[in-house]
Amino acid sequence: MADIPKYNGTVHPEEWVKNVQAKCLLNNLRQEKDVLKMCKLNIALSISFPNEVNTLNELVKALKEHSTYDIYKNGCKEKLDQMTFEGGEGGDTTQFLADFRSLCDFAEINNPQEIKNRLLRTYSSNEFFKNEFSRRITGVTNIDEIFKLYSDVVSDSSRVIKYGPEYLIAIKHRETGKYLSSRELNYATGSKRQVVYAGEKILNENAWWYATCENPIPQKKPFQENKVLYDDVVYLTHNKTKATISFSDFYRSPKTSYAEVHCFAYAFANLRFVKTDYTNENNKTPYLKARDRVYIKTENEYILRSQDVTFDVEENPDTDKPDNKNNNSRTHTLQEVVGHKERVGKDDEWFIEKK
């Protein structure tokens, strides 16, 4: 017979009885009277129970009526009071919520409002979580849904895109898998400003951007101020060169003759991120988040597009030298990025990533 765990008031009676049942099953003891006998033999002498206990349910009830059970429940509540969620890289939401819910069950806490209040205290140091969780659980009474919302908000707090050069993002073209990029090369035609293109399929220093917003929408709450919302008008700045994306009404792209998209230090496009149908189903929040699929649209209705169409740009590091013979020139073949006002399609979808 495998070791039967002793009952001394430090575990939940129902959990303990189930554990004994499992041990008995492993040893082919299936009759309730046999399991009950094993249970009675393994209860601490300090814990008394009536002689007329004849079923496992009656035993559980008797153990719950003993003073040790109240002590046990109070201990579970103390553990709940001390629980805090780490968040960030070290936060395991699944394990945390499993442990938290077990303690609630053991302490017989089943009031939705008490569970909400206790969950809120576990991560109150995170201003975004505190406000978002409070907002989303308003009116929710289903305990399963409360725990799911906790997980959702924790996930959002790590995935939401923020403003500023310390919060870099990458924007991948879904159809070709290449990243929106720029570098210190200029178009040979059109504006002759810094190129914007769809670069490698592997991230490199040319593919990092950051968002800024000079005029946030007035409805924003203080905890939302550094978060990118879908209603925000944003600027996208190339991290390496510090030039900002701009769309031209006048200059045409080198291959397909759509509106040219370039980077420039003294001009910028007012952009909005627009949810695709897929994102609309999976992101019910107002926040732009990592892994969202989006369209990128200007205030004058241009949509950012890329296709498997390439153009060439010459790089010549010695153009300032009078005796240069173009011996050091190098040709770069880049995938075109443009602005258009046609119907949106698969070539207009972009995938948001964060560093």
Foldseek 3Di string as FASTA:
>chain_A
DPDQAADELQAQLVVSLVSLCVVCVVVVNHDQQVSVVVNVVRYDPVQDFDPPDRGSVSVNVRSCPTPSLQVNLVVLVVVLQPAAAPADPPGDLVVSLVSNVVSCVSNVPQFQVVSLVSLLVRYVVQVQLNVQLVVVCVPPGDNVVSSVSSVVSSVCVVWFQFADLVWKKWKAQVVVQFIWFWDPFFDPDFPRATATFGHDNDDDLRGIKGKDADDADPVDDPSCVGTDFQPGFIWIARNPPRFTWDWDPPTAWPPPGAIGIHTHNPDTFGKGWAADPVQVVVPVDRTDTAFTKTWIATPVQWTKFWDQDKDKTKDDPPPVDPPDPCPRIDIDIGTGIHTDNDDDDSRRIIGMHID
